[in-house]
C-alpha atoms as a PDB file:
ATOM      1  CA  UNK A   1      53.770  81.197 113.918  1.00  0.00           C
ATOM      2  CA  UNK A   2      51.760  78.650 115.980  1.00  0.00           C
ATOM      3  CA  UNK A   3      52.306  74.898 115.659  1.00  0.00           C
ATOM      4  CA  UNK A   4      50.051  74.588 112.654  1.00  0.00           C
ATOM      5  CA  UNK A   5      49.904  70.794 112.630  1.00  0.00           C
ATOM      6  CA  UNK A   6      48.327  70.796 116.105  1.00  0.00           C
ATOM      7  CA  UNK A   7      46.077  73.826 115.641  1.00  0.00           C
ATOM      8  CA  UNK A   8      42.436  73.932 114.612  1.00  0.00           C
ATOM      9  CA  UNK A   9      42.527  76.552 111.886  1.00  0.00           C
ATOM     10  CA  UNK A  10      39.865  79.269 111.616  1.00  0.00           C
ATOM     11  CA  UNK A  11      39.607  79.472 107.848  1.00  0.00           C
ATOM     12  CA  UNK A  12      37.621  81.686 105.481  1.00  0.00           C
ATOM     13  CA  UNK A  13      36.396  80.351 102.158  1.00  0.00           C
ATOM     14  CA  UNK A  14      36.456  82.525  99.046  1.00  0.00           C
ATOM     15  CA  UNK A  15      34.211  81.318  96.224  1.00  0.00           C
ATOM     16  CA  UNK A  16      36.001  81.983  92.938  1.00  0.00           C
ATOM     17  CA  UNK A  17      33.177  82.404  90.423  1.00  0.00           C
ATOM     18  CA  UNK A  18      32.738  80.283  87.337  1.00  0.00           C
ATOM     19  CA  UNK A  19      33.890  82.244  84.326  1.00  0.00           C
ATOM     20  CA  UNK A  20      36.978  83.658  86.040  1.00  0.00           C
ATOM     21  CA  UNK A  21      39.950  84.183  83.731  1.00  0.00           C
ATOM     22  CA  UNK A  22      43.357  83.266  85.120  1.00  0.00           C
ATOM     23  CA  UNK A  23      46.832  83.839  83.745  1.00  0.00           C
ATOM     24  CA  UNK A  24      49.727  81.400  83.990  1.00  0.00           C
ATOM     25  CA  UNK A  25      53.413  81.543  83.187  1.00  0.00           C
ATOM     26  CA  UNK A  26      54.740  78.019  83.343  1.00  0.00           C
ATOM     27  CA  UNK A  27      57.283  75.616  81.942  1.00  0.00           C
ATOM     28  CA  UNK A  28      56.623  74.563  78.364  1.00  0.00           C
ATOM     29  CA  UNK A  29      56.665  70.891  79.373  1.00  0.00           C
ATOM     30  CA  UNK A  30      53.207  71.439  80.918  1.00  0.00           C
ATOM     31  CA  UNK A  31      50.004  72.196  79.074  1.00  0.00           C
ATOM     32  CA  UNK A  32      47.988  75.300  79.888  1.00  0.00           C
ATOM     33  CA  UNK A  33      45.589  73.439  82.215  1.00  0.00           C
ATOM     34  CA  UNK A  34      48.077  70.777  83.326  1.00  0.00           C
ATOM     35  CA  UNK A  35      49.062  70.602  86.985  1.00  0.00           C
ATOM     36  CA  UNK A  36      52.603  70.279  88.295  1.00  0.00           C
ATOM     37  CA  UNK A  37      52.734  66.746  89.740  1.00  0.00           C
ATOM     38  CA  UNK A  38      53.935  68.157  93.072  1.00  0.00           C
ATOM     39  CA  UNK A  39      57.135  66.172  93.409  1.00  0.00           C
ATOM     40  CA  UNK A  40      59.735  68.892  92.993  1.00  0.00           C
ATOM     41  CA  UNK A  41      60.375  72.603  93.320  1.00  0.00           C
ATOM     42  CA  UNK A  42      60.626  75.111  96.163  1.00  0.00           C
ATOM     43  CA  UNK A  43      57.649  77.469  96.212  1.00  0.00           C
ATOM     44  CA  UNK A  44      55.616  79.071  98.986  1.00  0.00           C
ATOM     45  CA  UNK A  45      52.834  76.489  98.887  1.00  0.00           C
ATOM     46  CA  UNK A  46      54.377  73.620  96.914  1.00  0.00           C
ATOM     47  CA  UNK A  47      55.496  70.908  96.688  1.00  0.00           C
ATOM     48  CA  UNK A  48      53.193  69.476  99.336  1.00  0.00           C
ATOM     49  CA  UNK A  49      51.831  66.048 100.157  1.00  0.00           C
ATOM     50  CA  UNK A  50      49.057  64.394 102.136  1.00  0.00           C
ATOM     51  CA  UNK A  51      49.875  62.872 105.550  1.00  0.00           C
ATOM     52  CA  UNK A  52      50.399  59.487 103.909  1.00  0.00           C
ATOM     53  CA  UNK A  53      53.008  60.985 101.577  1.00  0.00           C
ATOM     54  CA  UNK A  54      50.925  61.263  98.402  1.00  0.00           C
ATOM     55  CA  UNK A  55      52.053  64.257  96.329  1.00  0.00           C
ATOM     56  CA  UNK A  56      49.414  66.940  95.761  1.00  0.00           C
ATOM     57  CA  UNK A  57      49.440  68.301  92.188  1.00  0.00           C
ATOM     58  CA  UNK A  58      49.353  72.093  92.089  1.00  0.00           C
ATOM     59  CA  UNK A  59      48.905  74.977  89.682  1.00  0.00           C
ATOM     60  CA  UNK A  60      49.807  78.619  90.296  1.00  0.00           C
ATOM     61  CA  UNK A  61      47.974  81.394  88.453  1.00  0.00           C
ATOM     62  CA  UNK A  62      47.397  85.123  88.691  1.00  0.00           C
ATOM     63  CA  UNK A  63      44.516  87.508  88.131  1.00  0.00           C
ATOM     64  CA  UNK A  64      46.471  89.327  85.420  1.00  0.00           C
ATOM     65  CA  UNK A  65      49.436  88.777  83.106  1.00  0.00           C
ATOM     66  CA  UNK A  66      51.522  91.207  85.194  1.00  0.00           C
ATOM     67  CA  UNK A  67      50.714  89.296  88.386  1.00  0.00           C
ATOM     68  CA  UNK A  68      51.622  85.946  86.796  1.00  0.00           C
ATOM     69  CA  UNK A  69      54.903  87.388  85.485  1.00  0.00           C
ATOM     70  CA  UNK A  70      55.810  89.069  88.770  1.00  0.00           C
ATOM     71  CA  UNK A  71      55.186  85.822  90.649  1.00  0.00           C
ATOM     72  CA  UNK A  72      57.326  83.778  88.246  1.00  0.00           C
ATOM     73  CA  UNK A  73      59.968  85.236  85.948  1.00  0.00           C
ATOM     74  CA  UNK A  74      60.422  88.446  87.986  1.00  0.00           C
ATOM     75  CA  UNK A  75      59.947  86.799  91.398  1.00  0.00           C
ATOM     76  CA  UNK A  76      63.579  87.077  92.479  1.00  0.00           C
ATOM     77  CA  UNK A  77      64.263  90.603  91.228  1.00  0.00           C
ATOM     78  CA  UNK A  78      65.531  92.480  94.321  1.00  0.00           C
ATOM     79  CA  UNK A  79      63.764  95.442  95.887  1.00  0.00           C
ATOM     80  CA  UNK A  80      66.621  97.834  95.198  1.00  0.00           C
ATOM     81  CA  UNK A  81      67.068 101.168  93.438  1.00  0.00           C
ATOM     82  CA  UNK A  82      69.115 101.541  90.312  1.00  0.00           C
ATOM     83  CA  UNK A  83      70.010  99.076  87.589  1.00  0.00           C
ATOM     84  CA  UNK A  84      68.506  95.603  87.823  1.00  0.00           C
ATOM     85  CA  UNK A  85      68.850  92.955  85.158  1.00  0.00           C
ATOM     86  CA  UNK A  86      67.348  89.637  84.138  1.00  0.00           C
ATOM     87  CA  UNK A  87      69.104  87.268  81.756  1.00  0.00           C
ATOM     88  CA  UNK A  88      66.984  86.546  78.699  1.00  0.00           C
ATOM     89  CA  UNK A  89      67.918  82.890  79.090  1.00  0.00           C
ATOM     90  CA  UNK A  90      65.704  82.824  82.216  1.00  0.00           C
ATOM     91  CA  UNK A  91      62.722  83.087  79.863  1.00  0.00           C
ATOM     92  CA  UNK A  92      63.742  79.972  77.933  1.00  0.00           C
ATOM     93  CA  UNK A  93      61.158  77.192  77.921  1.00  0.00           C
ATOM     94  CA  UNK A  94      58.654  79.478  79.678  1.00  0.00           C
ATOM     95  CA  UNK A  95      55.202  79.988  78.171  1.00  0.00           C
ATOM     96  CA  UNK A  96      52.085  82.052  78.832  1.00  0.00           C
ATOM     97  CA  UNK A  97      48.618  80.520  79.011  1.00  0.00           C
ATOM     98  CA  UNK A  98      45.192  81.971  79.665  1.00  0.00           C
ATOM     99  CA  UNK A  99      42.556  79.762  81.248  1.00  0.00           C
ATOM    100  CA  UNK A 100      38.932  80.060  82.300  1.00  0.00           C
ATOM    101  CA  UNK A 101      37.045  78.413  85.139  1.00  0.00           C
ATOM    102  CA  UNK A 102      33.824  76.650  84.159  1.00  0.00           C
ATOM    103  CA  UNK A 103      32.647  76.017  87.730  1.00  0.00           C
ATOM    104  CA  UNK A 104      32.859  77.787  91.069  1.00  0.00           C
ATOM    105  CA  UNK A 105      36.007  76.975  93.044  1.00  0.00           C
ATOM    106  CA  UNK A 106      36.235  76.862  96.848  1.00  0.00           C
ATOM    107  CA  UNK A 107      39.484  78.557  97.827  1.00  0.00           C
ATOM    108  CA  UNK A 108      40.838  79.331 101.282  1.00  0.00           C
ATOM    109  CA  UNK A 109      41.239  83.093 101.635  1.00  0.00           C
ATOM    110  CA  UNK A 110      44.710  84.164 102.760  1.00  0.00           C
ATOM    111  CA  UNK A 111      44.269  87.902 102.298  1.00  0.00           C
ATOM    112  CA  UNK A 112      44.953  90.249 105.214  1.00  0.00           C
ATOM    113  CA  UNK A 113      41.460  90.358 106.706  1.00  0.00           C
ATOM    114  CA  UNK A 114      41.076  86.565 106.611  1.00  0.00           C
ATOM    115  CA  UNK A 115      44.568  86.148 108.045  1.00  0.00           C
ATOM    116  CA  UNK A 116      43.434  88.019 111.172  1.00  0.00           C
ATOM    117  CA  UNK A 117      40.791  85.357 111.730  1.00  0.00           C
ATOM    118  CA  UNK A 118      43.375  82.660 111.043  1.00  0.00           C
ATOM    119  CA  UNK A 119      45.772  84.272 113.495  1.00  0.00           C
ATOM    120  CA  UNK A 120      48.806  84.425 111.203  1.00  0.00           C
ATOM    121  CA  UNK A 121      50.364  87.720 110.145  1.00  0.00           C
ATOM    122  CA  UNK A 122      50.958  88.258 106.454  1.00  0.00           C
ATOM    123  CA  UNK A 123      54.673  88.745 107.122  1.00  0.00           C
ATOM    124  CA  UNK A 124      54.839  85.184 108.427  1.00  0.00           C
ATOM    125  CA  UNK A 125      53.058  83.612 105.447  1.00  0.00           C
ATOM    126  CA  UNK A 126      52.767  85.700 102.285  1.00  0.00           C
ATOM    127  CA  UNK A 127      55.720  88.082 102.702  1.00  0.00           C
ATOM    128  CA  UNK A 128      58.272  85.443 103.673  1.00  0.00           C
ATOM    129  CA  UNK A 129      61.519  84.749 101.840  1.00  0.00           C
ATOM    130  CA  UNK A 130      62.552  81.367 100.423  1.00  0.00           C
ATOM    131  CA  UNK A 131      64.328  80.291 103.599  1.00  0.00           C
ATOM    132  CA  UNK A 132      60.912  80.125 105.307  1.00  0.00           C
ATOM    133  CA  UNK A 133      59.060  78.224 102.586  1.00  0.00           C
ATOM    134  CA  UNK A 134      59.229  74.961 104.527  1.00  0.00           C
ATOM    135  CA  UNK A 135      57.052  76.646 107.194  1.00  0.00           C
ATOM    136  CA  UNK A 136      54.612  78.162 104.722  1.00  0.00           C
ATOM    137  CA  UNK A 137      54.189  74.785 103.039  1.00  0.00           C
ATOM    138  CA  UNK A 138      53.258  73.337 106.447  1.00  0.00           C
ATOM    139  CA  UNK A 139      50.398  75.837 106.555  1.00  0.00           C
ATOM    140  CA  UNK A 140      49.231  74.705 103.105  1.00  0.00           C
ATOM    141  CA  UNK A 141      49.303  71.065 104.213  1.00  0.00           C
ATOM    142  CA  UNK A 142      47.335  71.848 107.372  1.00  0.00           C
ATOM    143  CA  UNK A 143      44.720  73.759 105.383  1.00  0.00           C
ATOM    144  CA  UNK A 144      44.462  70.955 102.848  1.00  0.00           C
ATOM    145  CA  UNK A 145      44.020  68.396 105.634  1.00  0.00           C
ATOM    146  CA  UNK A 146      41.488  70.338 107.699  1.00  0.00           C
ATOM    147  CA  UNK A 147      39.311  71.501 104.782  1.00  0.00           C
ATOM    148  CA  UNK A 148      38.629  68.566 102.451  1.00  0.00           C
ATOM    149  CA  UNK A 149      36.390  70.862 100.401  1.00  0.00           C
ATOM    150  CA  UNK A 150      39.184  73.381  99.750  1.00  0.00           C
ATOM    151  CA  UNK A 151      40.279  73.324  96.119  1.00  0.00           C
ATOM    152  CA  UNK A 152      43.138  75.757  96.574  1.00  0.00           C
ATOM    153  CA  UNK A 153      44.379  78.960  98.195  1.00  0.00           C
ATOM    154  CA  UNK A 154      43.940  82.625  97.276  1.00  0.00           C
ATOM    155  CA  UNK A 155      45.950  85.654  98.449  1.00  0.00           C
ATOM    156  CA  UNK A 156      46.994  89.157  97.455  1.00  0.00           C
ATOM    157  CA  UNK A 157      50.178  88.772  95.463  1.00  0.00           C
ATOM    158  CA  UNK A 158      53.317  89.787  97.288  1.00  0.00           C
ATOM    159  CA  UNK A 159      54.982  90.718  94.013  1.00  0.00           C
ATOM    160  CA  UNK A 160      51.998  92.613  92.559  1.00  0.00           C
ATOM    161  CA  UNK A 161      49.636  93.826  95.281  1.00  0.00           C
ATOM    162  CA  UNK A 162      47.105  95.059  92.713  1.00  0.00           C
ATOM    163  CA  UNK A 163      46.057  91.472  91.923  1.00  0.00           C
ATOM    164  CA  UNK A 164      45.172  88.123  93.454  1.00  0.00           C
ATOM    165  CA  UNK A 165      47.209  84.946  93.153  1.00  0.00           C
ATOM    166  CA  UNK A 166      45.929  81.406  93.494  1.00  0.00           C
ATOM    167  CA  UNK A 167      47.304  77.923  93.860  1.00  0.00           C
ATOM    168  CA  UNK A 168      44.927  75.100  92.952  1.00  0.00           C
ATOM    169  CA  UNK A 169      44.929  71.514  94.207  1.00  0.00           C
ATOM    170  CA  UNK A 170      44.760  69.347  91.130  1.00  0.00           C
ATOM    171  CA  UNK A 171      43.229  66.254  92.693  1.00  0.00           C
ATOM    172  CA  UNK A 172      40.233  68.316  93.855  1.00  0.00           C
ATOM    173  CA  UNK A 173      39.545  69.983  90.497  1.00  0.00           C
ATOM    174  CA  UNK A 174      37.197  68.007  88.268  1.00  0.00           C
ATOM    175  CA  UNK A 175      38.211  67.443  84.627  1.00  0.00           C
ATOM    176  CA  UNK A 176      36.916  70.244  82.424  1.00  0.00           C
ATOM    177  CA  UNK A 177      36.756  72.776  85.255  1.00  0.00           C
ATOM    178  CA  UNK A 178      39.709  74.612  83.732  1.00  0.00           C
ATOM    179  CA  UNK A 179      39.566  75.422  80.032  1.00  0.00           C
ATOM    180  CA  UNK A 180      42.426  76.906  78.049  1.00  0.00           C
ATOM    181  CA  UNK A 181      41.371  80.049  76.195  1.00  0.00           C
ATOM    182  CA  UNK A 182      44.751  81.068  74.758  1.00  0.00           C
ATOM    183  CA  UNK A 183      48.285  79.725  74.522  1.00  0.00           C
ATOM    184  CA  UNK A 184      50.612  78.318  75.505  1.00  0.00           C
ATOM    185  CA  UNK A 185      52.612  81.153  73.929  1.00  0.00           C
ATOM    186  CA  UNK A 186      56.393  81.293  74.122  1.00  0.00           C
ATOM    187  CA  UNK A 187      57.641  84.215  76.219  1.00  0.00           C
ATOM    188  CA  UNK A 188      60.462  85.067  73.810  1.00  0.00           C
ATOM    189  CA  UNK A 189      59.435  83.842  70.360  1.00  0.00           C
ATOM    190  CA  UNK A 190      55.907  85.190  70.502  1.00  0.00           C
ATOM    191  CA  UNK A 191      56.542  88.880  69.819  1.00  0.00           C
ATOM    192  CA  UNK A 192      53.278  90.077  71.397  1.00  0.00           C
ATOM    193  CA  UNK A 193      53.980  88.263  74.657  1.00  0.00           C
ATOM    194  CA  UNK A 194      57.641  89.323  74.684  1.00  0.00           C
ATOM    195  CA  UNK A 195      56.519  92.956  74.326  1.00  0.00           C
ATOM    196  CA  UNK A 196      54.333  92.480  77.423  1.00  0.00           C
ATOM    197  CA  UNK A 197      57.372  91.121  79.266  1.00  0.00           C
ATOM    198  CA  UNK A 198      59.495  94.092  78.169  1.00  0.00           C
ATOM    199  CA  UNK A 199      56.815  96.596  79.131  1.00  0.00           C
ATOM    200  CA  UNK A 200      56.523  95.142  82.624  1.00  0.00           C
ATOM    201  CA  UNK A 201      60.312  94.966  82.937  1.00  0.00           C
ATOM    202  CA  UNK A 202      60.536  98.683  82.171  1.00  0.00           C
ATOM    203  CA  UNK A 203      57.860  99.477  84.772  1.00  0.00           C
ATOM    204  CA  UNK A 204      59.817  97.742  87.527  1.00  0.00           C
ATOM    205  CA  UNK A 205      63.222  99.013  86.393  1.00  0.00           C
ATOM    206  CA  UNK A 206      64.595  95.761  84.992  1.00  0.00           C
ATOM    207  CA  UNK A 207      66.626  95.374  81.819  1.00  0.00           C
ATOM    208  CA  UNK A 208      66.450  92.063  79.932  1.00  0.00           C
ATOM    209  CA  UNK A 209      70.043  91.261  78.997  1.00  0.00           C
ATOM    210  CA  UNK A 210      71.855  88.448  77.176  1.00  0.00           C
ATOM    211  CA  UNK A 211      73.469  85.833  79.361  1.00  0.00           C
ATOM    212  CA  UNK A 212      72.869  82.844  81.543  1.00  0.00           C
END
């Protein structure tokens, strides 16, 4: 990957329409439209900060429930045949929220076609493992710095390539732009949501088991 901090990035903007429904699986300590303050964690595009060190609040969401679940609770399930398990305790304090956008959002497109213009292969940005997240976060910072109008990033989910994922920059989203339409609903104690988790788990060959 080129030295992103010193490169003028050739970016493509995707306009996420007003009225778009997004799905989130997030910690119960946050509300459905509440942003992570951006001070902790280890994700592909967060936590990140401005050049002066100010933390950038972020929110991850998916186009569908399955996408949101694959990018969160099932994120670390290995690509391997045979029995795979996930401890039910991993679902503790996790909730599901549905939100709706009330205004158009300007997102930087990180799907394959746009990545060709950017000059970064998907395998070096979207398909990376956790040990490379420090580099992918540098890309997010460079994008944020070079496009002051960018309100977030959009890409084809690595975990569920039938859907789009987004990360939104909280300080560039006006109050009221995100409205909660359902939830937060507990992943385990809400039987309807837990059934959705179990159905997806069966599709990807994962058994939810007791344990830590």
